Amino acid sequence: MKVRHIGIYDNVKGTWHSSRERLTIGKAYMVIELLSSIKNGISYRLIGDNEDGSPAVFPASEFEIISNYVPTNWTLTIKQNGLIVNGPKAWREPGFWEDCYDHDPKALEIYKREARIIYEEENAL
């Protein structure tokens, strides 16, 4: 799945602007995980323009979908708190994202393996 950052509409100025340092208006980004909850709505986990290349979660309302391809390694999981996650099953282990952000070698290996599948499949279209 690929999206383009459109930003947030400013009703006062009548213009779109980016509310995030990590994102560029008009740039396409690969969605590596989709999250949905009653409290937060739909969000995308993707890699923005940050120097370290770490993924972050952003509101889907700030993007337009340019490719709705669902990677073969995505599975749907409904968590106890009602959070719905669609992405690689290997990323669902408790503490996985915390381990990734802490640069745990095993977690980073799993992350890179699954992300590679997502990018390769989307780019093959």
PDB file of N, CA and C in Angstrom:
ATOM      1  N   MET A   1       0.851  -1.174   0.000  1.00  0.00           N
ATOM      2  CA  MET A   1       0.000   0.000   0.000  1.00  0.00           C
ATOM      3  C   MET A   1       0.893   1.232   0.000  1.00  0.00           C
ATOM      4  N   LYS A   2       0.552   2.155  -0.870  1.00  0.00           N
ATOM      5  CA  LYS A   2       1.344   3.382  -0.980  1.00  0.00           C
ATOM      6  C   LYS A   2       0.405   4.575  -0.850  1.00  0.00           C
ATOM      7  N   VAL A   3       0.878   5.601  -0.141  1.00  0.00           N
ATOM      8  CA  VAL A   3       0.080   6.808   0.076  1.00  0.00           C
ATOM      9  C   VAL A   3       0.902   8.051  -0.238  1.00  0.00           C
ATOM     10  N   ARG A   4       0.198   9.153  -0.502  1.00  0.00           N
ATOM     11  CA  ARG A   4       0.852  10.439  -0.737  1.00  0.00           C
ATOM     12  C   ARG A   4       0.423  11.386   0.375  1.00  0.00           C
ATOM     13  N   HIS A   5       1.407  12.081   0.948  1.00  0.00           N
ATOM     14  CA  HIS A   5       1.111  13.022   2.038  1.00  0.00           C
ATOM     15  C   HIS A   5       0.453  14.272   1.471  1.00  0.00           C
ATOM     16  N   ILE A   6      -0.762  14.558   1.951  1.00  0.00           N
ATOM     17  CA  ILE A   6      -1.465  15.768   1.524  1.00  0.00           C
ATOM     18  C   ILE A   6      -1.500  16.799   2.638  1.00  0.00           C
ATOM     19  N   GLY A   7      -1.175  16.390   3.859  1.00  0.00           N
ATOM     20  CA  GLY A   7      -1.123  17.314   4.980  1.00  0.00           C
ATOM     21  C   GLY A   7      -2.476  17.531   5.617  1.00  0.00           C
ATOM     22  N   ILE A   8      -2.616  18.689   6.221  1.00  0.00           N
ATOM     23  CA  ILE A   8      -3.835  19.067   6.928  1.00  0.00           C
ATOM     24  C   ILE A   8      -4.373  20.336   6.290  1.00  0.00           C
ATOM     25  N   TYR A   9      -5.672  20.385   6.118  1.00  0.00           N
ATOM     26  CA  TYR A   9      -6.285  21.570   5.512  1.00  0.00           C
ATOM     27  C   TYR A   9      -6.501  22.639   6.574  1.00  0.00           C
ATOM     28  N   ASP A  10      -6.017  23.838   6.300  1.00  0.00           N
ATOM     29  CA  ASP A  10      -6.186  24.985   7.189  1.00  0.00           C
ATOM     30  C   ASP A  10      -7.414  25.760   6.710  1.00  0.00           C
ATOM     31  N   ASN A  11      -8.507  25.653   7.446  1.00  0.00           N
ATOM     32  CA  ASN A  11      -9.751  26.315   7.050  1.00  0.00           C
ATOM     33  C   ASN A  11      -9.629  27.838   7.012  1.00  0.00           C
ATOM     34  N   VAL A  12      -8.804  28.400   7.859  1.00  0.00           N
ATOM     35  CA  VAL A  12      -8.639  29.853   7.917  1.00  0.00           C
ATOM     36  C   VAL A  12      -7.905  30.365   6.676  1.00  0.00           C
ATOM     37  N   LYS A  13      -6.772  29.717   6.348  1.00  0.00           N
ATOM     38  CA  LYS A  13      -5.965  30.146   5.206  1.00  0.00           C
ATOM     39  C   LYS A  13      -6.437  29.536   3.882  1.00  0.00           C
ATOM     40  N   GLY A  14      -7.204  28.450   3.973  1.00  0.00           N
ATOM     41  CA  GLY A  14      -7.659  27.781   2.758  1.00  0.00           C
ATOM     42  C   GLY A  14      -6.552  27.049   2.031  1.00  0.00           C
ATOM     43  N   THR A  15      -5.564  26.567   2.786  1.00  0.00           N
ATOM     44  CA  THR A  15      -4.427  25.868   2.186  1.00  0.00           C
ATOM     45  C   THR A  15      -4.130  24.574   2.932  1.00  0.00           C
ATOM     46  N   TRP A  16      -3.381  23.716   2.258  1.00  0.00           N
ATOM     47  CA  TRP A  16      -2.901  22.477   2.878  1.00  0.00           C
ATOM     48  C   TRP A  16      -1.503  22.728   3.417  1.00  0.00           C
ATOM     49  N   HIS A  17      -1.173  22.145   4.559  1.00  0.00           N
ATOM     50  CA  HIS A  17       0.179  22.262   5.095  1.00  0.00           C
ATOM     51  C   HIS A  17       0.527  20.976   5.833  1.00  0.00           C
ATOM     52  N   SER A  18       1.805  20.741   5.984  1.00  0.00           N
ATOM     53  CA  SER A  18       2.260  19.567   6.715  1.00  0.00           C
ATOM     54  C   SER A  18       2.395  19.926   8.182  1.00  0.00           C
ATOM     55  N   SER A  19       1.874  19.062   9.028  1.00  0.00           N
ATOM     56  CA  SER A  19       1.995  19.294  10.469  1.00  0.00           C
ATOM     57  C   SER A  19       3.153  18.496  11.042  1.00  0.00           C
ATOM     58  N   ARG A  20       3.875  17.843  10.186  1.00  0.00           N
ATOM     59  CA  ARG A  20       4.920  16.923  10.635  1.00  0.00           C
ATOM     60  C   ARG A  20       6.272  17.290  10.019  1.00  0.00           C
ATOM     61  N   GLU A  21       7.297  17.256  10.836  1.00  0.00           N
ATOM     62  CA  GLU A  21       8.647  17.473  10.317  1.00  0.00           C
ATOM     63  C   GLU A  21       9.108  16.294   9.472  1.00  0.00           C
ATOM     64  N   ARG A  22       8.582  15.110   9.775  1.00  0.00           N
ATOM     65  CA  ARG A  22       9.041  13.891   9.114  1.00  0.00           C
ATOM     66  C   ARG A  22       8.411  13.647   7.755  1.00  0.00           C
ATOM     67  N   LEU A  23       7.492  14.485   7.307  1.00  0.00           N
ATOM     68  CA  LEU A  23       6.760  14.239   6.071  1.00  0.00           C
ATOM     69  C   LEU A  23       6.852  15.430   5.126  1.00  0.00           C
ATOM     70  N   THR A  24       6.760  15.139   3.818  1.00  0.00           N
ATOM     71  CA  THR A  24       6.817  16.164   2.795  1.00  0.00           C
ATOM     72  C   THR A  24       5.518  16.133   1.995  1.00  0.00           C
ATOM     73  N   ILE A  25       4.869  17.289   1.857  1.00  0.00           N
ATOM     74  CA  ILE A  25       3.644  17.383   1.063  1.00  0.00           C
ATOM     75  C   ILE A  25       3.924  16.908  -0.361  1.00  0.00           C
ATOM     76  N   GLY A  26       3.049  16.033  -0.862  1.00  0.00           N
ATOM     77  CA  GLY A  26       3.165  15.529  -2.230  1.00  0.00           C
ATOM     78  C   GLY A  26       4.048  14.308  -2.388  1.00  0.00           C
ATOM     79  N   LYS A  27       4.781  13.936  -1.363  1.00  0.00           N
ATOM     80  CA  LYS A  27       5.681  12.788  -1.457  1.00  0.00           C
ATOM     81  C   LYS A  27       4.928  11.493  -1.161  1.00  0.00           C
ATOM     82  N   ALA A  28       5.298  10.427  -1.887  1.00  0.00           N
ATOM     83  CA  ALA A  28       4.696   9.103  -1.686  1.00  0.00           C
ATOM     84  C   ALA A  28       5.478   8.336  -0.624  1.00  0.00           C
ATOM     85  N   TYR A  29       4.741   7.585   0.191  1.00  0.00           N
ATOM     86  CA  TYR A  29       5.331   6.777   1.256  1.00  0.00           C
ATOM     87  C   TYR A  29       4.708   5.383   1.230  1.00  0.00           C
ATOM     88  N   MET A  30       5.495   4.393   1.563  1.00  0.00           N
ATOM     89  CA  MET A  30       5.027   3.019   1.643  1.00  0.00           C
ATOM     90  C   MET A  30       4.436   2.774   3.026  1.00  0.00           C
ATOM     91  N   VAL A  31       3.216   2.269   3.078  1.00  0.00           N
ATOM     92  CA  VAL A  31       2.592   1.906   4.348  1.00  0.00           C
ATOM     93  C   VAL A  31       3.083   0.510   4.712  1.00  0.00           C
ATOM     94  N   ILE A  32       3.676   0.392   5.893  1.00  0.00           N
ATOM     95  CA  ILE A  32       4.175  -0.913   6.310  1.00  0.00           C
ATOM     96  C   ILE A  32       3.245  -1.585   7.316  1.00  0.00           C
ATOM     97  N   GLU A  33       2.290  -0.814   7.835  1.00  0.00           N
ATOM     98  CA  GLU A  33       1.302  -1.369   8.760  1.00  0.00           C
ATOM     99  C   GLU A  33       0.128  -0.398   8.843  1.00  0.00           C
ATOM    100  N   LEU A  34      -1.076  -0.942   8.941  1.00  0.00           N
ATOM    101  CA  LEU A  34      -2.284  -0.140   9.057  1.00  0.00           C
ATOM    102  C   LEU A  34      -2.915  -0.417  10.410  1.00  0.00           C
ATOM    103  N   LEU A  35      -3.255   0.637  11.133  1.00  0.00           N
ATOM    104  CA  LEU A  35      -3.856   0.488  12.462  1.00  0.00           C
ATOM    105  C   LEU A  35      -5.198   1.208  12.490  1.00  0.00           C
ATOM    106  N   SER A  36      -6.153   0.643  13.218  1.00  0.00           N
ATOM    107  CA  SER A  36      -7.466   1.252  13.312  1.00  0.00           C
ATOM    108  C   SER A  36      -8.024   1.049  14.712  1.00  0.00           C
ATOM    109  N   SER A  37      -8.565   2.136  15.273  1.00  0.00           N
ATOM    110  CA  SER A  37      -9.203   2.040  16.587  1.00  0.00           C
ATOM    111  C   SER A  37     -10.314   3.073  16.662  1.00  0.00           C
ATOM    112  N   ILE A  38     -11.273   2.832  17.530  1.00  0.00           N
ATOM    113  CA  ILE A  38     -12.366   3.783  17.706  1.00  0.00           C
ATOM    114  C   ILE A  38     -11.809   5.112  18.209  1.00  0.00           C
ATOM    115  N   LYS A  39     -10.859   5.060  19.120  1.00  0.00           N
ATOM    116  CA  LYS A  39     -10.305   6.271  19.731  1.00  0.00           C
ATOM    117  C   LYS A  39      -9.495   7.108  18.746  1.00  0.00           C
ATOM    118  N   ASN A  40      -8.609   6.461  17.967  1.00  0.00           N
ATOM    119  CA  ASN A  40      -7.673   7.192  17.113  1.00  0.00           C
ATOM    120  C   ASN A  40      -7.988   7.142  15.624  1.00  0.00           C
ATOM    121  N   GLY A  41      -9.020   6.419  15.229  1.00  0.00           N
ATOM    122  CA  GLY A  41      -9.331   6.287  13.809  1.00  0.00           C
ATOM    123  C   GLY A  41      -8.313   5.417  13.099  1.00  0.00           C
ATOM    124  N   ILE A  42      -8.102   5.678  11.820  1.00  0.00           N
ATOM    125  CA  ILE A  42      -7.162   4.897  11.014  1.00  0.00           C
ATOM    126  C   ILE A  42      -5.822   5.619  10.975  1.00  0.00           C
ATOM    127  N   SER A  43      -4.753   4.850  11.151  1.00  0.00           N
ATOM    128  CA  SER A  43      -3.392   5.384  11.101  1.00  0.00           C
ATOM    129  C   SER A  43      -2.539   4.477  10.241  1.00  0.00           C
ATOM    130  N   TYR A  44      -1.461   5.053   9.717  1.00  0.00           N
ATOM    131  CA  TYR A  44      -0.496   4.298   8.932  1.00  0.00           C
ATOM    132  C   TYR A  44       0.859   4.337   9.628  1.00  0.00           C
ATOM    133  N   ARG A  45       1.520   3.179   9.682  1.00  0.00           N
ATOM    134  CA  ARG A  45       2.918   3.154  10.113  1.00  0.00           C
ATOM    135  C   ARG A  45       3.740   3.195   8.823  1.00  0.00           C
ATOM    136  N   LEU A  46       4.636   4.167   8.749  1.00  0.00           N
ATOM    137  CA  LEU A  46       5.480   4.300   7.566  1.00  0.00           C
ATOM    138  C   LEU A  46       6.789   4.961   7.947  1.00  0.00           C
ATOM    139  N   ILE A  47       7.702   4.952   7.004  1.00  0.00           N
ATOM    140  CA  ILE A  47       8.994   5.592   7.213  1.00  0.00           C
ATOM    141  C   ILE A  47       8.923   6.974   6.576  1.00  0.00           C
ATOM    142  N   GLY A  48       9.046   7.992   7.404  1.00  0.00           N
ATOM    143  CA  GLY A  48       9.006   9.364   6.917  1.00  0.00           C
ATOM    144  C   GLY A  48      10.373   9.821   6.449  1.00  0.00           C
ATOM    145  N   ASP A  49      10.603  11.113   6.529  1.00  0.00           N
ATOM    146  CA  ASP A  49      11.853  11.705   6.046  1.00  0.00           C
ATOM    147  C   ASP A  49      12.896  11.873   7.137  1.00  0.00           C
ATOM    148  N   ASN A  50      12.695  11.230   8.278  1.00  0.00           N
ATOM    149  CA  ASN A  50      13.645  11.370   9.375  1.00  0.00           C
ATOM    150  C   ASN A  50      14.975  10.700   9.030  1.00  0.00           C
ATOM    151  N   GLU A  51      16.041  11.245   9.563  1.00  0.00           N
ATOM    152  CA  GLU A  51      17.386  10.781   9.235  1.00  0.00           C
ATOM    153  C   GLU A  51      17.664   9.339   9.639  1.00  0.00           C
ATOM    154  N   ASP A  52      17.107   8.902  10.762  1.00  0.00           N
ATOM    155  CA  ASP A  52      17.427   7.554  11.230  1.00  0.00           C
ATOM    156  C   ASP A  52      16.607   6.460  10.541  1.00  0.00           C
ATOM    157  N   GLY A  53      15.608   6.835   9.743  1.00  0.00           N
ATOM    158  CA  GLY A  53      14.832   5.856   8.991  1.00  0.00           C
ATOM    159  C   GLY A  53      13.889   5.018   9.831  1.00  0.00           C
ATOM    160  N   SER A  54      13.630   5.429  11.059  1.00  0.00           N
ATOM    161  CA  SER A  54      12.730   4.650  11.909  1.00  0.00           C
ATOM    162  C   SER A  54      11.282   4.959  11.543  1.00  0.00           C
ATOM    163  N   PRO A  55      10.431   3.924  11.540  1.00  0.00           N
ATOM    164  CA  PRO A  55       9.025   4.144  11.201  1.00  0.00           C
ATOM    165  C   PRO A  55       8.273   4.828  12.339  1.00  0.00           C
ATOM    166  N   ALA A  56       7.186   5.486  11.977  1.00  0.00           N
ATOM    167  CA  ALA A  56       6.328   6.140  12.957  1.00  0.00           C
ATOM    168  C   ALA A  56       4.889   6.016  12.469  1.00  0.00           C
ATOM    169  N   VAL A  57       3.950   6.318  13.359  1.00  0.00           N
ATOM    170  CA  VAL A  57       2.528   6.212  13.053  1.00  0.00           C
ATOM    171  C   VAL A  57       1.959   7.606  12.801  1.00  0.00           C
ATOM    172  N   PHE A  58       1.187   7.731  11.705  1.00  0.00           N
ATOM    173  CA  PHE A  58       0.605   9.002  11.308  1.00  0.00           C
ATOM    174  C   PHE A  58      -0.879   8.818  10.989  1.00  0.00           C
ATOM    175  N   PRO A  59      -1.712   9.836  11.211  1.00  0.00           N
ATOM    176  CA  PRO A  59      -3.141   9.739  10.890  1.00  0.00           C
ATOM    177  C   PRO A  59      -3.364   9.561   9.384  1.00  0.00           C
ATOM    178  N   ALA A  60      -4.231   8.627   9.017  1.00  0.00           N
ATOM    179  CA  ALA A  60      -4.522   8.368   7.605  1.00  0.00           C
ATOM    180  C   ALA A  60      -5.152   9.580   6.930  1.00  0.00           C
ATOM    181  N   SER A  61      -5.797  10.444   7.703  1.00  0.00           N
ATOM    182  CA  SER A  61      -6.454  11.619   7.136  1.00  0.00           C
ATOM    183  C   SER A  61      -5.472  12.591   6.479  1.00  0.00           C
ATOM    184  N   GLU A  62      -4.184  12.427   6.735  1.00  0.00           N
ATOM    185  CA  GLU A  62      -3.174  13.307   6.155  1.00  0.00           C
ATOM    186  C   GLU A  62      -2.605  12.762   4.841  1.00  0.00           C
ATOM    187  N   PHE A  63      -3.245  11.698   4.322  1.00  0.00           N
ATOM    188  CA  PHE A  63      -2.728  11.028   3.126  1.00  0.00           C
ATOM    189  C   PHE A  63      -3.851  10.700   2.156  1.00  0.00           C
ATOM    190  N   GLU A  64      -3.464  10.518   0.891  1.00  0.00           N
ATOM    191  CA  GLU A  64      -4.374   9.941  -0.092  1.00  0.00           C
ATOM    192  C   GLU A  64      -3.737   8.639  -0.564  1.00  0.00           C
ATOM    193  N   ILE A  65      -4.561   7.645  -0.806  1.00  0.00           N
ATOM    194  CA  ILE A  65      -4.067   6.336  -1.238  1.00  0.00           C
ATOM    195  C   ILE A  65      -3.748   6.398  -2.726  1.00  0.00           C
ATOM    196  N   ILE A  66      -2.543   5.950  -3.084  1.00  0.00           N
ATOM    197  CA  ILE A  66      -2.175   5.897  -4.500  1.00  0.00           C
ATOM    198  C   ILE A  66      -2.000   4.454  -4.980  1.00  0.00           C
ATOM    199  N   SER A  67      -1.896   3.525  -4.058  1.00  0.00           N
ATOM    200  CA  SER A  67      -1.884   2.092  -4.388  1.00  0.00           C
ATOM    201  C   SER A  67      -2.489   1.353  -3.209  1.00  0.00           C
ATOM    202  N   ASN A  68      -3.527   0.581  -3.459  1.00  0.00           N
ATOM    203  CA  ASN A  68      -4.181  -0.148  -2.367  1.00  0.00           C
ATOM    204  C   ASN A  68      -3.783  -1.623  -2.325  1.00  0.00           C
ATOM    205  N   TYR A  69      -2.637  -1.951  -2.887  1.00  0.00           N
ATOM    206  CA  TYR A  69      -2.146  -3.324  -2.858  1.00  0.00           C
ATOM    207  C   TYR A  69      -1.869  -3.748  -1.411  1.00  0.00           C
ATOM    208  N   VAL A  70      -2.362  -4.920  -1.030  1.00  0.00           N
ATOM    209  CA  VAL A  70      -2.134  -5.460   0.313  1.00  0.00           C
ATOM    210  C   VAL A  70      -1.048  -6.536   0.210  1.00  0.00           C
ATOM    211  N   PRO A  71       0.097  -6.335   0.861  1.00  0.00           N
ATOM    212  CA  PRO A  71       1.190  -7.304   0.779  1.00  0.00           C
ATOM    213  C   PRO A  71       0.787  -8.690   1.292  1.00  0.00           C
ATOM    214  N   THR A  72       1.421  -9.707   0.752  1.00  0.00           N
ATOM    215  CA  THR A  72       1.090 -11.087   1.120  1.00  0.00           C
ATOM    216  C   THR A  72       1.462 -11.425   2.556  1.00  0.00           C
ATOM    217  N   ASN A  73       2.360 -10.657   3.163  1.00  0.00           N
ATOM    218  CA  ASN A  73       2.755 -10.962   4.547  1.00  0.00           C
ATOM    219  C   ASN A  73       1.892 -10.237   5.575  1.00  0.00           C
ATOM    220  N   TRP A  74       0.856  -9.518   5.149  1.00  0.00           N
ATOM    221  CA  TRP A  74      -0.038  -8.842   6.085  1.00  0.00           C
ATOM    222  C   TRP A  74      -1.114  -9.803   6.579  1.00  0.00           C
ATOM    223  N   THR A  75      -1.398  -9.735   7.856  1.00  0.00           N
ATOM    224  CA  THR A  75      -2.516 -10.462   8.453  1.00  0.00           C
ATOM    225  C   THR A  75      -3.262  -9.497   9.366  1.00  0.00           C
ATOM    226  N   LEU A  76      -4.529  -9.788   9.576  1.00  0.00           N
ATOM    227  CA  LEU A  76      -5.372  -8.948  10.410  1.00  0.00           C
ATOM    228  C   LEU A  76      -5.381  -9.486  11.832  1.00  0.00           C
ATOM    229  N   THR A  77      -5.167  -8.608  12.803  1.00  0.00           N
ATOM    230  CA  THR A  77      -5.196  -8.977  14.217  1.00  0.00           C
ATOM    231  C   THR A  77      -6.072  -7.973  14.952  1.00  0.00           C
ATOM    232  N   ILE A  78      -6.959  -8.488  15.791  1.00  0.00           N
ATOM    233  CA  ILE A  78      -7.780  -7.628  16.640  1.00  0.00           C
ATOM    234  C   ILE A  78      -7.299  -7.825  18.070  1.00  0.00           C
ATOM    235  N   LYS A  79      -6.776  -6.760  18.650  1.00  0.00           N
ATOM    236  CA  LYS A  79      -6.214  -6.827  20.003  1.00  0.00           C
ATOM    237  C   LYS A  79      -7.309  -6.691  21.050  1.00  0.00           C
ATOM    238  N   GLN A  80      -6.991  -7.049  22.292  1.00  0.00           N
ATOM    239  CA  GLN A  80      -7.946  -6.985  23.399  1.00  0.00           C
ATOM    240  C   GLN A  80      -8.530  -5.586  23.593  1.00  0.00           C
ATOM    241  N   ASN A  81      -7.726  -4.558  23.335  1.00  0.00           N
ATOM    242  CA  ASN A  81      -8.178  -3.176  23.539  1.00  0.00           C
ATOM    243  C   ASN A  81      -8.987  -2.637  22.359  1.00  0.00           C
ATOM    244  N   GLY A  82      -9.278  -3.500  21.384  1.00  0.00           N
ATOM    245  CA  GLY A  82     -10.071  -3.098  20.236  1.00  0.00           C
ATOM    246  C   GLY A  82      -9.252  -2.565  19.075  1.00  0.00           C
ATOM    247  N   LEU A  83      -7.941  -2.472  19.234  1.00  0.00           N
ATOM    248  CA  LEU A  83      -7.076  -2.014  18.154  1.00  0.00           C
ATOM    249  C   LEU A  83      -7.040  -3.091  17.064  1.00  0.00           C
ATOM    250  N   ILE A  84      -7.237  -2.671  15.838  1.00  0.00           N
ATOM    251  CA  ILE A  84      -7.149  -3.572  14.691  1.00  0.00           C
ATOM    252  C   ILE A  84      -5.854  -3.255  13.962  1.00  0.00           C
ATOM    253  N   VAL A  85      -5.037  -4.266  13.757  1.00  0.00           N
ATOM    254  CA  VAL A  85      -3.739  -4.084  13.106  1.00  0.00           C
ATOM    255  C   VAL A  85      -3.684  -4.977  11.873  1.00  0.00           C
ATOM    256  N   ASN A  86      -3.297  -4.380  10.743  1.00  0.00           N
ATOM    257  CA  ASN A  86      -3.098  -5.140   9.525  1.00  0.00           C
ATOM    258  C   ASN A  86      -1.664  -4.897   9.085  1.00  0.00           C
ATOM    259  N   GLY A  87      -0.865  -5.937   9.189  1.00  0.00           N
ATOM    260  CA  GLY A  87       0.550  -5.851   8.854  1.00  0.00           C
ATOM    261  C   GLY A  87       1.188  -7.199   9.096  1.00  0.00           C
ATOM    262  N   PRO A  88       2.498  -7.276   9.018  1.00  0.00           N
ATOM    263  CA  PRO A  88       3.181  -8.545   9.213  1.00  0.00           C
ATOM    264  C   PRO A  88       2.914  -9.157  10.598  1.00  0.00           C
ATOM    265  N   LYS A  89       2.567 -10.428  10.598  1.00  0.00           N
ATOM    266  CA  LYS A  89       2.286 -11.131  11.858  1.00  0.00           C
ATOM    267  C   LYS A  89       3.518 -11.163  12.761  1.00  0.00           C
ATOM    268  N   ALA A  90       4.695 -11.233  12.162  1.00  0.00           N
ATOM    269  CA  ALA A  90       5.942 -11.297  12.935  1.00  0.00           C
ATOM    270  C   ALA A  90       6.148 -10.052  13.796  1.00  0.00           C
ATOM    271  N   TRP A  91       5.466  -8.964  13.473  1.00  0.00           N
ATOM    272  CA  TRP A  91       5.606  -7.721  14.229  1.00  0.00           C
ATOM    273  C   TRP A  91       4.647  -7.636  15.406  1.00  0.00           C
ATOM    274  N   ARG A  92       3.819  -8.659  15.626  1.00  0.00           N
ATOM    275  CA  ARG A  92       2.790  -8.617  16.673  1.00  0.00           C
ATOM    276  C   ARG A  92       3.255  -9.119  18.031  1.00  0.00           C
ATOM    277  N   GLU A  93       4.453  -9.611  18.116  1.00  0.00           N
ATOM    278  CA  GLU A  93       4.947 -10.101  19.402  1.00  0.00           C
ATOM    279  C   GLU A  93       4.961  -8.951  20.405  1.00  0.00           C
ATOM    280  N   PRO A  94       4.559  -9.208  21.644  1.00  0.00           N
ATOM    281  CA  PRO A  94       4.571  -8.146  22.665  1.00  0.00           C
ATOM    282  C   PRO A  94       5.965  -7.511  22.782  1.00  0.00           C
ATOM    283  N   GLY A  95       6.004  -6.200  22.747  1.00  0.00           N
ATOM    284  CA  GLY A  95       7.263  -5.476  22.889  1.00  0.00           C
ATOM    285  C   GLY A  95       8.080  -5.356  21.617  1.00  0.00           C
ATOM    286  N   PHE A  96       7.561  -5.857  20.500  1.00  0.00           N
ATOM    287  CA  PHE A  96       8.337  -5.851  19.258  1.00  0.00           C
ATOM    288  C   PHE A  96       8.791  -4.446  18.866  1.00  0.00           C
ATOM    289  N   TRP A  97       7.844  -3.488  18.804  1.00  0.00           N
ATOM    290  CA  TRP A  97       8.223  -2.148  18.357  1.00  0.00           C
ATOM    291  C   TRP A  97       9.153  -1.465  19.348  1.00  0.00           C
ATOM    292  N   GLU A  98       8.961  -1.698  20.617  1.00  0.00           N
ATOM    293  CA  GLU A  98       9.871  -1.133  21.624  1.00  0.00           C
ATOM    294  C   GLU A  98      11.284  -1.671  21.408  1.00  0.00           C
ATOM    295  N   ASP A  99      11.380  -2.981  21.128  1.00  0.00           N
ATOM    296  CA  ASP A  99      12.687  -3.586  20.863  1.00  0.00           C
ATOM    297  C   ASP A  99      13.334  -2.988  19.610  1.00  0.00           C
ATOM    298  N   CYS A 100      12.523  -2.750  18.583  1.00  0.00           N
ATOM    299  CA  CYS A 100      13.062  -2.141  17.362  1.00  0.00           C
ATOM    300  C   CYS A 100      13.624  -0.754  17.651  1.00  0.00           C
ATOM    301  N   TYR A 101      12.856   0.071  18.374  1.00  0.00           N
ATOM    302  CA  TYR A 101      13.312   1.426  18.667  1.00  0.00           C
ATOM    303  C   TYR A 101      14.510   1.436  19.605  1.00  0.00           C
ATOM    304  N   ASP A 102      14.694   0.336  20.349  1.00  0.00           N
ATOM    305  CA  ASP A 102      15.866   0.192  21.208  1.00  0.00           C
ATOM    306  C   ASP A 102      17.037  -0.457  20.470  1.00  0.00           C
ATOM    307  N   HIS A 103      16.876  -0.694  19.167  1.00  0.00           N
ATOM    308  CA  HIS A 103      17.918  -1.260  18.297  1.00  0.00           C
ATOM    309  C   HIS A 103      18.309  -2.685  18.673  1.00  0.00           C
ATOM    310  N   ASP A 104      17.341  -3.467  19.133  1.00  0.00           N
ATOM    311  CA  ASP A 104      17.598  -4.877  19.422  1.00  0.00           C
ATOM    312  C   ASP A 104      17.874  -5.594  18.093  1.00  0.00           C
ATOM    313  N   PRO A 105      19.026  -6.269  17.951  1.00  0.00           N
ATOM    314  CA  PRO A 105      19.397  -6.889  16.677  1.00  0.00           C
ATOM    315  C   PRO A 105      18.372  -7.902  16.150  1.00  0.00           C
ATOM    316  N   LYS A 106      17.809  -8.712  17.022  1.00  0.00           N
ATOM    317  CA  LYS A 106      16.835  -9.716  16.581  1.00  0.00           C
ATOM    318  C   LYS A 106      15.568  -9.044  16.049  1.00  0.00           C
ATOM    319  N   ALA A 107      15.065  -8.049  16.768  1.00  0.00           N
ATOM    320  CA  ALA A 107      13.863  -7.329  16.333  1.00  0.00           C
ATOM    321  C   ALA A 107      14.133  -6.593  15.021  1.00  0.00           C
ATOM    322  N   LEU A 108      15.293  -5.976  14.894  1.00  0.00           N
ATOM    323  CA  LEU A 108      15.622  -5.258  13.657  1.00  0.00           C
ATOM    324  C   LEU A 108      15.725  -6.199  12.471  1.00  0.00           C
ATOM    325  N   GLU A 109      16.236  -7.396  12.690  1.00  0.00           N
ATOM    326  CA  GLU A 109      16.325  -8.393  11.623  1.00  0.00           C
ATOM    327  C   GLU A 109      14.924  -8.782  11.140  1.00  0.00           C
ATOM    328  N   ILE A 110      14.013  -9.009  12.080  1.00  0.00           N
ATOM    329  CA  ILE A 110      12.628  -9.358  11.740  1.00  0.00           C
ATOM    330  C   ILE A 110      11.961  -8.189  11.008  1.00  0.00           C
ATOM    331  N   TYR A 111      12.153  -6.993  11.524  1.00  0.00           N
ATOM    332  CA  TYR A 111      11.580  -5.799  10.900  1.00  0.00           C
ATOM    333  C   TYR A 111      12.055  -5.669   9.455  1.00  0.00           C
ATOM    334  N   LYS A 112      13.346  -5.747   9.236  1.00  0.00           N
ATOM    335  CA  LYS A 112      13.911  -5.572   7.896  1.00  0.00           C
ATOM    336  C   LYS A 112      13.434  -6.652   6.935  1.00  0.00           C
ATOM    337  N   ARG A 113      13.339  -7.882   7.415  1.00  0.00           N
ATOM    338  CA  ARG A 113      12.885  -8.993   6.567  1.00  0.00           C
ATOM    339  C   ARG A 113      11.461  -8.737   6.073  1.00  0.00           C
ATOM    340  N   GLU A 114      10.569  -8.379   6.986  1.00  0.00           N
ATOM    341  CA  GLU A 114       9.169  -8.171   6.625  1.00  0.00           C
ATOM    342  C   GLU A 114       8.984  -6.901   5.795  1.00  0.00           C
ATOM    343  N   ALA A 115       9.706  -5.835   6.123  1.00  0.00           N
ATOM    344  CA  ALA A 115       9.619  -4.596   5.355  1.00  0.00           C
ATOM    345  C   ALA A 115      10.110  -4.814   3.923  1.00  0.00           C
ATOM    346  N   ARG A 116      11.138  -5.620   3.767  1.00  0.00           N
ATOM    347  CA  ARG A 116      11.681  -5.920   2.434  1.00  0.00           C
ATOM    348  C   ARG A 116      10.598  -6.570   1.564  1.00  0.00           C
ATOM    349  N   ILE A 117       9.829  -7.487   2.147  1.00  0.00           N
ATOM    350  CA  ILE A 117       8.746  -8.138   1.404  1.00  0.00           C
ATOM    351  C   ILE A 117       7.732  -7.098   0.942  1.00  0.00           C
ATOM    352  N   ILE A 118       7.341  -6.204   1.839  1.00  0.00           N
ATOM    353  CA  ILE A 118       6.361  -5.164   1.513  1.00  0.00           C
ATOM    354  C   ILE A 118       6.863  -4.301   0.358  1.00  0.00           C
ATOM    355  N   TYR A 119       8.092  -3.817   0.449  1.00  0.00           N
ATOM    356  CA  TYR A 119       8.651  -2.946  -0.586  1.00  0.00           C
ATOM    357  C   TYR A 119       8.818  -3.678  -1.901  1.00  0.00           C
ATOM    358  N   GLU A 120       9.319  -4.906  -1.868  1.00  0.00           N
ATOM    359  CA  GLU A 120       9.534  -5.663  -3.104  1.00  0.00           C
ATOM    360  C   GLU A 120       8.229  -5.941  -3.824  1.00  0.00           C
ATOM    361  N   GLU A 121       7.191  -6.326  -3.090  1.00  0.00           N
ATOM    362  CA  GLU A 121       5.913  -6.614  -3.729  1.00  0.00           C
ATOM    363  C   GLU A 121       5.291  -5.360  -4.326  1.00  0.00           C
ATOM    364  N   GLU A 122       5.322  -4.264  -3.594  1.00  0.00           N
ATOM    365  CA  GLU A 122       4.729  -3.017  -4.095  1.00  0.00           C
ATOM    366  C   GLU A 122       5.490  -2.519  -5.319  1.00  0.00           C
ATOM    367  N   ASN A 123       6.798  -2.611  -5.300  1.00  0.00           N
ATOM    368  CA  ASN A 123       7.603  -2.132  -6.411  1.00  0.00           C
ATOM    369  C   ASN A 123       7.524  -3.035  -7.642  1.00  0.00           C
ATOM    370  N   ALA A 124       7.056  -4.269  -7.469  1.00  0.00           N
ATOM    371  CA  ALA A 124       6.918  -5.202  -8.580  1.00  0.00           C
ATOM    372  C   ALA A 124       5.647  -4.948  -9.383  1.00  0.00           C
ATOM    373  N   LEU A 125       4.753  -4.123  -8.851  1.00  0.00           N
ATOM    374  CA  LEU A 125       3.480  -3.864  -9.556  1.00  0.00           C
ATOM    375  C   LEU A 125       3.669  -3.063 -10.810  1.00  0.00           C
TER     376      LEU A 125
END
